[in-house]
């Protein structure tokens, strides 16, 4: 599973920590393809009408395969004297 996560992370397909609605799949796809997250969510719902039930399979699979964005552990402490 780590190789799939690494491969997706190299391609820029990660679920961001900010701007999530449910799991961050649409926000991650929007970020990767340079789109607005709301547009991606609307397109995701519209495809439900074209191919009924497809999102019920696709969203959970992407949720499992797309790695979550890494936390940044930047220290904000002042330097020691």
N, C-alpha and C. Protein backbone atom coordinates (compact mmCIF):
# COMPACT_ATOMS: atom_id res chain seq x y z
N UNK A 1 0.82 -1.19 0.00
CA UNK A 1 0.00 0.00 0.00
C UNK A 1 0.87 1.25 0.00
N UNK A 2 2.04 1.21 0.64
CA UNK A 2 2.90 2.38 0.68
C UNK A 2 3.39 2.78 -0.70
N UNK A 3 3.61 1.82 -1.59
CA UNK A 3 4.07 2.17 -2.93
C UNK A 3 2.99 2.93 -3.69
N UNK A 4 1.72 2.57 -3.47
CA UNK A 4 0.63 3.30 -4.12
C UNK A 4 0.55 4.71 -3.54
N UNK A 5 0.66 4.84 -2.23
CA UNK A 5 0.64 6.16 -1.60
C UNK A 5 1.81 7.00 -2.08
N UNK A 6 2.99 6.42 -2.16
CA UNK A 6 4.17 7.16 -2.63
C UNK A 6 3.99 7.60 -4.07
N UNK A 7 3.47 6.72 -4.90
CA UNK A 7 3.26 7.05 -6.31
C UNK A 7 2.27 8.21 -6.45
N UNK A 8 1.17 8.16 -5.72
CA UNK A 8 0.18 9.23 -5.79
C UNK A 8 0.74 10.53 -5.24
N UNK A 9 1.51 10.46 -4.18
CA UNK A 9 2.10 11.66 -3.60
C UNK A 9 3.08 12.30 -4.58
N UNK A 10 3.86 11.50 -5.30
CA UNK A 10 4.78 12.05 -6.31
C UNK A 10 4.02 12.75 -7.43
N UNK A 11 2.83 12.28 -7.74
CA UNK A 11 2.02 12.89 -8.79
C UNK A 11 1.21 14.09 -8.29
N UNK A 12 1.30 14.37 -7.00
CA UNK A 12 0.58 15.50 -6.44
C UNK A 12 -0.84 15.18 -6.00
N UNK A 13 -1.18 13.90 -5.95
CA UNK A 13 -2.52 13.50 -5.53
C UNK A 13 -2.50 13.18 -4.04
N UNK A 14 -2.71 14.20 -3.24
CA UNK A 14 -2.79 14.04 -1.78
C UNK A 14 -4.05 14.72 -1.28
N UNK A 15 -4.56 14.22 -0.17
CA UNK A 15 -5.74 14.84 0.45
C UNK A 15 -5.25 15.93 1.39
N UNK A 16 -5.55 17.20 1.09
CA UNK A 16 -5.04 18.29 1.91
C UNK A 16 -5.67 18.32 3.30
N UNK A 17 -4.97 18.90 4.24
CA UNK A 17 -5.49 19.02 5.60
C UNK A 17 -6.48 20.18 5.70
N UNK A 18 -6.31 21.20 4.86
CA UNK A 18 -7.18 22.38 4.87
C UNK A 18 -8.17 22.28 3.71
N UNK A 19 -9.40 22.71 3.94
CA UNK A 19 -10.39 22.78 2.87
C UNK A 19 -11.13 21.48 2.61
N UNK A 20 -11.07 20.54 3.52
CA UNK A 20 -11.78 19.27 3.35
C UNK A 20 -13.26 19.46 3.65
N UNK A 21 -14.08 18.69 2.95
CA UNK A 21 -15.51 18.62 3.30
C UNK A 21 -15.77 17.29 4.01
N UNK A 22 -15.33 16.21 3.41
CA UNK A 22 -15.51 14.89 4.01
C UNK A 22 -14.14 14.28 4.27
N UNK A 23 -13.50 13.80 3.23
CA UNK A 23 -12.19 13.19 3.39
C UNK A 23 -11.10 13.95 2.65
N UNK A 24 -11.47 14.90 1.82
CA UNK A 24 -10.49 15.68 1.10
C UNK A 24 -10.17 15.17 -0.29
N UNK A 25 -10.92 14.19 -0.77
CA UNK A 25 -10.65 13.62 -2.09
C UNK A 25 -10.87 14.67 -3.18
N UNK A 26 -12.00 15.33 -3.18
CA UNK A 26 -12.28 16.34 -4.21
C UNK A 26 -11.33 17.53 -4.09
N UNK A 27 -11.00 17.93 -2.88
CA UNK A 27 -10.06 19.03 -2.68
C UNK A 27 -8.68 18.64 -3.20
N UNK A 28 -8.28 17.40 -2.99
CA UNK A 28 -6.99 16.92 -3.50
C UNK A 28 -6.97 16.86 -5.02
N UNK A 29 -8.05 16.38 -5.61
CA UNK A 29 -8.14 16.34 -7.07
C UNK A 29 -8.12 17.75 -7.65
N UNK A 30 -8.85 18.67 -7.01
CA UNK A 30 -8.88 20.05 -7.47
C UNK A 30 -7.50 20.68 -7.41
N UNK A 31 -6.80 20.46 -6.33
CA UNK A 31 -5.46 21.02 -6.18
C UNK A 31 -4.52 20.46 -7.25
N UNK A 32 -4.61 19.17 -7.50
CA UNK A 32 -3.73 18.52 -8.47
C UNK A 32 -3.95 19.05 -9.88
N UNK A 33 -5.22 19.29 -10.26
CA UNK A 33 -5.53 19.71 -11.61
C UNK A 33 -5.77 21.21 -11.74
N UNK A 34 -5.49 21.98 -10.67
CA UNK A 34 -5.58 23.43 -10.72
C UNK A 34 -6.99 23.95 -10.85
N UNK A 35 -7.92 23.30 -10.20
CA UNK A 35 -9.32 23.70 -10.27
C UNK A 35 -9.79 24.18 -8.91
N UNK A 36 -10.95 24.80 -8.88
CA UNK A 36 -11.57 25.19 -7.63
C UNK A 36 -12.19 23.95 -6.98
N UNK A 37 -12.02 23.75 -5.67
CA UNK A 37 -12.59 22.56 -5.03
C UNK A 37 -14.10 22.45 -5.20
N UNK A 38 -14.82 23.58 -5.19
CA UNK A 38 -16.28 23.51 -5.35
C UNK A 38 -16.66 23.02 -6.73
N UNK A 39 -15.91 23.44 -7.75
CA UNK A 39 -16.19 22.97 -9.10
C UNK A 39 -15.97 21.46 -9.19
N UNK A 40 -14.93 20.98 -8.56
CA UNK A 40 -14.66 19.54 -8.55
C UNK A 40 -15.78 18.78 -7.85
N UNK A 41 -16.26 19.31 -6.74
CA UNK A 41 -17.36 18.66 -6.03
C UNK A 41 -18.63 18.63 -6.87
N UNK A 42 -18.92 19.73 -7.56
CA UNK A 42 -20.11 19.78 -8.42
C UNK A 42 -19.98 18.79 -9.56
N UNK A 43 -18.81 18.74 -10.19
CA UNK A 43 -18.59 17.78 -11.27
C UNK A 43 -18.72 16.34 -10.77
N UNK A 44 -18.25 16.09 -9.57
CA UNK A 44 -18.34 14.76 -8.98
C UNK A 44 -19.81 14.36 -8.81
N UNK A 45 -20.63 15.30 -8.34
CA UNK A 45 -22.06 15.03 -8.16
C UNK A 45 -22.76 14.90 -9.51
N UNK A 46 -22.41 15.74 -10.48
CA UNK A 46 -23.03 15.66 -11.79
C UNK A 46 -22.75 14.33 -12.49
N UNK A 47 -21.56 13.78 -12.28
CA UNK A 47 -21.28 12.47 -12.89
C UNK A 47 -22.12 11.38 -12.26
N UNK A 48 -22.63 11.63 -11.08
CA UNK A 48 -23.53 10.67 -10.45
C UNK A 48 -24.81 10.51 -11.27
N UNK A 49 -25.25 11.59 -11.92
CA UNK A 49 -26.44 11.52 -12.76
C UNK A 49 -26.15 10.84 -14.10
N UNK A 50 -24.92 10.98 -14.58
CA UNK A 50 -24.54 10.37 -15.85
C UNK A 50 -24.27 8.88 -15.68
N UNK A 51 -23.51 8.56 -14.64
CA UNK A 51 -23.16 7.16 -14.35
C UNK A 51 -23.62 6.88 -12.91
N UNK A 52 -24.87 6.51 -12.72
CA UNK A 52 -25.40 6.31 -11.36
C UNK A 52 -24.60 5.28 -10.55
N UNK A 53 -24.28 5.67 -9.33
CA UNK A 53 -23.60 4.76 -8.41
C UNK A 53 -22.09 4.75 -8.54
N UNK A 54 -21.55 5.45 -9.53
CA UNK A 54 -20.11 5.40 -9.74
C UNK A 54 -19.34 6.01 -8.56
N UNK A 55 -19.85 7.09 -7.99
CA UNK A 55 -19.14 7.74 -6.89
C UNK A 55 -19.14 6.90 -5.63
N UNK A 56 -20.13 6.05 -5.49
CA UNK A 56 -20.19 5.18 -4.32
C UNK A 56 -19.00 4.23 -4.32
N UNK A 57 -18.49 3.92 -5.50
CA UNK A 57 -17.31 3.07 -5.61
C UNK A 57 -16.02 3.88 -5.69
N UNK A 58 -16.04 4.96 -6.46
CA UNK A 58 -14.82 5.71 -6.73
C UNK A 58 -14.33 6.49 -5.51
N UNK A 59 -15.22 7.18 -4.81
CA UNK A 59 -14.80 8.03 -3.69
C UNK A 59 -14.11 7.22 -2.58
N UNK A 60 -14.69 6.11 -2.11
CA UNK A 60 -13.99 5.35 -1.06
C UNK A 60 -12.65 4.77 -1.52
N UNK A 61 -12.57 4.38 -2.78
CA UNK A 61 -11.29 3.85 -3.29
C UNK A 61 -10.24 4.95 -3.30
N UNK A 62 -10.61 6.13 -3.78
CA UNK A 62 -9.65 7.24 -3.76
C UNK A 62 -9.30 7.65 -2.34
N UNK A 63 -10.26 7.57 -1.44
CA UNK A 63 -10.02 7.89 -0.03
C UNK A 63 -8.94 6.98 0.54
N UNK A 64 -9.00 5.72 0.18
CA UNK A 64 -7.99 4.77 0.67
C UNK A 64 -6.65 4.92 -0.03
N UNK A 65 -6.67 5.21 -1.32
CA UNK A 65 -5.43 5.25 -2.10
C UNK A 65 -4.67 6.56 -1.99
N UNK A 66 -5.39 7.68 -1.87
CA UNK A 66 -4.71 8.98 -1.78
C UNK A 66 -4.19 9.21 -0.37
N UNK A 67 -2.89 9.47 -0.26
CA UNK A 67 -2.34 9.71 1.08
C UNK A 67 -2.77 11.08 1.59
N UNK A 68 -2.86 11.19 2.90
CA UNK A 68 -3.17 12.47 3.52
C UNK A 68 -1.92 13.34 3.48
N UNK A 69 -2.14 14.64 3.36
CA UNK A 69 -1.03 15.58 3.31
C UNK A 69 -0.26 15.50 4.63
N UNK A 70 1.05 15.56 4.53
CA UNK A 70 1.90 15.50 5.72
C UNK A 70 1.74 16.77 6.54
N UNK A 71 1.80 16.60 7.83
CA UNK A 71 1.76 17.76 8.72
C UNK A 71 3.13 18.43 8.67
N UNK A 72 3.12 19.74 8.74
CA UNK A 72 4.40 20.44 8.81
C UNK A 72 4.69 20.71 10.29
N UNK A 73 5.82 20.26 10.70
CA UNK A 73 6.21 20.41 12.10
C UNK A 73 7.22 21.53 12.24
N UNK A 74 6.94 22.65 11.64
CA UNK A 74 7.83 23.79 11.73
C UNK A 74 7.80 24.34 13.16
N UNK A 75 8.96 24.56 13.68
CA UNK A 75 9.03 25.07 15.05
C UNK A 75 8.85 26.58 15.02
N UNK A 76 8.05 27.08 15.91
CA UNK A 76 7.83 28.51 16.01
C UNK A 76 8.42 29.05 17.30
N UNK A 77 9.24 28.25 17.93
CA UNK A 77 9.87 28.66 19.17
C UNK A 77 11.03 29.61 18.86
N UNK A 78 11.25 30.58 19.74
CA UNK A 78 12.42 31.46 19.50
C UNK A 78 13.72 30.66 19.71
N UNK A 79 14.77 31.05 19.03
CA UNK A 79 16.04 30.33 19.19
C UNK A 79 16.54 30.43 20.63
N UNK A 80 17.19 29.37 21.06
CA UNK A 80 17.73 29.34 22.43
C UNK A 80 18.92 30.31 22.52
N UNK A 81 19.01 30.98 23.66
CA UNK A 81 20.09 31.97 23.85
C UNK A 81 21.35 31.32 24.33
